[in-house]
Amino acid sequence: MKARRRSFSAATLTRLRELPAGDALALLTTQARLDPTYVPIKDDHSRRWHVCTARGEFEILTTGAKWYDTRARLGGGGAIDLTMHVLGLSFVHAVKHLTESAGQHGADHP
């Protein structure tokens, strides 16, 4: 008999993928500081963050759910990818971390 594979609900994954990257950073980092000197070039809604996690320091640009690590020259979309990147987690562990962190912070989402 095969073990039943557990999966996350489509609604949970959609909420995490649509979560603004700036909001996700608040759940993931030990320190997240918005750079007030940053002047966006392409999109007025872009922000630059200086963040610290257990894995180190990052300079992350965010625009909605999209993010870009300027030092690693790597980007993606959605809180799951961001969590995998800044915390070094697998997909499953990233989803679990976000849902647990959001619950601890009283977030309406994930």
C-alpha atoms as a PDB file:
ATOM      1  CA  MET A   1       0.000   0.000   0.000  1.00  0.00           C
ATOM      2  CA  LYS A   2       1.351   3.410  -0.981  1.00  0.00           C
ATOM      3  CA  ALA A   3       1.555   6.178   1.545  1.00  0.00           C
ATOM      4  CA  ARG A   4      -0.860   8.965   0.745  1.00  0.00           C
ATOM      5  CA  ARG A   5       0.932  12.058  -0.391  1.00  0.00           C
ATOM      6  CA  ARG A   6      -0.161  15.187   1.414  1.00  0.00           C
ATOM      7  CA  SER A   7      -0.437  18.437  -0.443  1.00  0.00           C
ATOM      8  CA  PHE A   8      -1.298  22.020   0.327  1.00  0.00           C
ATOM      9  CA  SER A   9      -4.634  23.450  -0.725  1.00  0.00           C
ATOM     10  CA  ALA A  10      -4.748  25.434  -3.940  1.00  0.00           C
ATOM     11  CA  ALA A  11      -6.133  28.391  -1.975  1.00  0.00           C
ATOM     12  CA  THR A  12      -3.152  28.385   0.404  1.00  0.00           C
ATOM     13  CA  LEU A  13      -0.643  28.234  -2.440  1.00  0.00           C
ATOM     14  CA  THR A  14      -2.435  31.001  -4.344  1.00  0.00           C
ATOM     15  CA  ARG A  15      -2.470  33.278  -1.271  1.00  0.00           C
ATOM     16  CA  LEU A  16       1.241  32.704  -0.716  1.00  0.00           C
ATOM     17  CA  ARG A  17       2.102  33.305  -4.350  1.00  0.00           C
ATOM     18  CA  GLU A  18       0.142  36.583  -4.331  1.00  0.00           C
ATOM     19  CA  LEU A  19       1.449  37.814  -0.960  1.00  0.00           C
ATOM     20  CA  PRO A  20       3.395  41.044  -1.484  1.00  0.00           C
ATOM     21  CA  ALA A  21       7.113  40.355  -1.095  1.00  0.00           C
ATOM     22  CA  GLY A  22       7.489  43.203   1.419  1.00  0.00           C
ATOM     23  CA  ASP A  23       4.870  41.572   3.651  1.00  0.00           C
ATOM     24  CA  ALA A  24       6.625  38.220   3.300  1.00  0.00           C
ATOM     25  CA  LEU A  25       9.935  39.757   4.375  1.00  0.00           C
ATOM     26  CA  ALA A  26       8.327  40.833   7.648  1.00  0.00           C
ATOM     27  CA  LEU A  27       7.480  37.158   8.315  1.00  0.00           C
ATOM     28  CA  LEU A  28      10.875  35.801   7.283  1.00  0.00           C
ATOM     29  CA  THR A  29      13.567  38.079   8.599  1.00  0.00           C
ATOM     30  CA  THR A  30      15.069  38.959  11.939  1.00  0.00           C
ATOM     31  CA  GLN A  31      15.419  42.506  10.619  1.00  0.00           C
ATOM     32  CA  ALA A  32      13.905  44.188   7.559  1.00  0.00           C
ATOM     33  CA  ARG A  33      14.737  47.811   6.897  1.00  0.00           C
ATOM     34  CA  LEU A  34      13.228  49.768   4.037  1.00  0.00           C
ATOM     35  CA  ASP A  35      15.814  51.925   2.234  1.00  0.00           C
ATOM     36  CA  PRO A  36      14.429  55.492   2.192  1.00  0.00           C
ATOM     37  CA  THR A  37      17.084  56.626  -0.304  1.00  0.00           C
ATOM     38  CA  TYR A  38      16.049  54.170  -3.028  1.00  0.00           C
ATOM     39  CA  VAL A  39      14.628  55.770  -6.158  1.00  0.00           C
ATOM     40  CA  PRO A  40      12.767  53.252  -8.376  1.00  0.00           C
ATOM     41  CA  ILE A  41      13.684  53.258 -12.051  1.00  0.00           C
ATOM     42  CA  LYS A  42      11.105  51.024 -13.746  1.00  0.00           C
ATOM     43  CA  ASP A  43       8.154  50.918 -11.341  1.00  0.00           C
ATOM     44  CA  ASP A  44       7.225  53.557  -8.762  1.00  0.00           C
ATOM     45  CA  HIS A  45       5.959  50.786  -6.464  1.00  0.00           C
ATOM     46  CA  SER A  46       9.384  49.126  -6.191  1.00  0.00           C
ATOM     47  CA  ARG A  47      11.128  49.192  -2.826  1.00  0.00           C
ATOM     48  CA  ARG A  48      14.624  48.238  -1.672  1.00  0.00           C
ATOM     49  CA  TRP A  49      15.019  46.340   1.584  1.00  0.00           C
ATOM     50  CA  HIS A  50      18.077  45.510   3.647  1.00  0.00           C
ATOM     51  CA  VAL A  51      17.236  42.307   5.485  1.00  0.00           C
ATOM     52  CA  CYS A  52      18.901  39.858   7.846  1.00  0.00           C
ATOM     53  CA  THR A  53      18.073  36.198   8.336  1.00  0.00           C
ATOM     54  CA  ALA A  54      19.866  33.312  10.001  1.00  0.00           C
ATOM     55  CA  ARG A  55      21.525  32.757   6.586  1.00  0.00           C
ATOM     56  CA  GLY A  56      22.970  36.261   6.298  1.00  0.00           C
ATOM     57  CA  GLU A  57      22.243  39.693   4.918  1.00  0.00           C
ATOM     58  CA  PHE A  58      20.385  40.423   1.694  1.00  0.00           C
ATOM     59  CA  GLU A  59      19.500  43.445  -0.402  1.00  0.00           C
ATOM     60  CA  ILE A  60      16.081  42.700  -1.875  1.00  0.00           C
ATOM     61  CA  LEU A  61      14.076  44.757  -4.366  1.00  0.00           C
ATOM     62  CA  THR A  62      10.319  44.200  -4.222  1.00  0.00           C
ATOM     63  CA  THR A  63       7.457  45.105  -6.509  1.00  0.00           C
ATOM     64  CA  GLY A  64       4.193  43.490  -5.468  1.00  0.00           C
ATOM     65  CA  ALA A  65       4.795  39.758  -5.198  1.00  0.00           C
ATOM     66  CA  LYS A  66       7.981  39.923  -7.275  1.00  0.00           C
ATOM     67  CA  TRP A  67      11.432  40.141  -5.691  1.00  0.00           C
ATOM     68  CA  TYR A  68      15.055  40.389  -6.750  1.00  0.00           C
ATOM     69  CA  ASP A  69      18.198  39.788  -4.677  1.00  0.00           C
ATOM     70  CA  THR A  70      20.678  42.352  -6.016  1.00  0.00           C
ATOM     71  CA  ARG A  71      23.724  40.597  -4.562  1.00  0.00           C
ATOM     72  CA  ALA A  72      22.884  37.082  -5.760  1.00  0.00           C
ATOM     73  CA  ARG A  73      21.405  38.452  -9.010  1.00  0.00           C
ATOM     74  CA  LEU A  74      18.458  36.130  -8.532  1.00  0.00           C
ATOM     75  CA  GLY A  75      14.775  36.853  -8.388  1.00  0.00           C
ATOM     76  CA  GLY A  76      11.388  35.280  -8.415  1.00  0.00           C
ATOM     77  CA  GLY A  77       7.756  35.745  -7.698  1.00  0.00           C
ATOM     78  CA  GLY A  78       5.802  34.926  -4.619  1.00  0.00           C
ATOM     79  CA  ALA A  79       6.488  34.432  -0.951  1.00  0.00           C
ATOM     80  CA  ILE A  80       7.278  30.736  -1.372  1.00  0.00           C
ATOM     81  CA  ASP A  81      10.232  31.371  -3.695  1.00  0.00           C
ATOM     82  CA  LEU A  82      11.414  34.227  -1.477  1.00  0.00           C
ATOM     83  CA  THR A  83      11.288  32.005   1.606  1.00  0.00           C
ATOM     84  CA  MET A  84      13.193  29.256  -0.168  1.00  0.00           C
ATOM     85  CA  HIS A  85      15.846  31.803  -1.160  1.00  0.00           C
ATOM     86  CA  VAL A  86      16.434  33.759   2.070  1.00  0.00           C
ATOM     87  CA  LEU A  87      15.985  30.816   4.458  1.00  0.00           C
ATOM     88  CA  GLY A  88      17.362  28.008   2.286  1.00  0.00           C
ATOM     89  CA  LEU A  89      14.253  25.864   2.683  1.00  0.00           C
ATOM     90  CA  SER A  90      12.606  23.308   0.427  1.00  0.00           C
ATOM     91  CA  PHE A  91       9.217  24.091  -1.116  1.00  0.00           C
ATOM     92  CA  VAL A  92       7.328  22.078   1.521  1.00  0.00           C
ATOM     93  CA  HIS A  93       9.235  23.598   4.430  1.00  0.00           C
ATOM     94  CA  ALA A  94       8.853  27.095   2.972  1.00  0.00           C
ATOM     95  CA  VAL A  95       5.052  26.735   2.756  1.00  0.00           C
ATOM     96  CA  LYS A  96       4.911  25.356   6.305  1.00  0.00           C
ATOM     97  CA  HIS A  97       7.130  28.170   7.606  1.00  0.00           C
ATOM     98  CA  LEU A  98       5.001  30.861   5.976  1.00  0.00           C
ATOM     99  CA  THR A  99       1.694  29.443   7.178  1.00  0.00           C
ATOM    100  CA  GLU A 100       3.021  29.027  10.723  1.00  0.00           C
ATOM    101  CA  SER A 101       4.635  32.486  10.768  1.00  0.00           C
ATOM    102  CA  ALA A 102       1.511  34.147   9.429  1.00  0.00           C
ATOM    103  CA  GLY A 103      -0.559  32.450  12.134  1.00  0.00           C
ATOM    104  CA  GLN A 104       1.838  33.597  14.867  1.00  0.00           C
ATOM    105  CA  HIS A 105       1.685  37.167  13.585  1.00  0.00           C
ATOM    106  CA  GLY A 106      -2.097  37.164  13.354  1.00  0.00           C
ATOM    107  CA  ALA A 107      -2.098  37.654   9.605  1.00  0.00           C
ATOM    108  CA  ASP A 108      -5.322  37.196   7.668  1.00  0.00           C
ATOM    109  CA  HIS A 109      -3.329  35.272   5.132  1.00  0.00           C
ATOM    110  CA  PRO A 110      -1.924  32.504   4.348  1.00  0.00           C
END
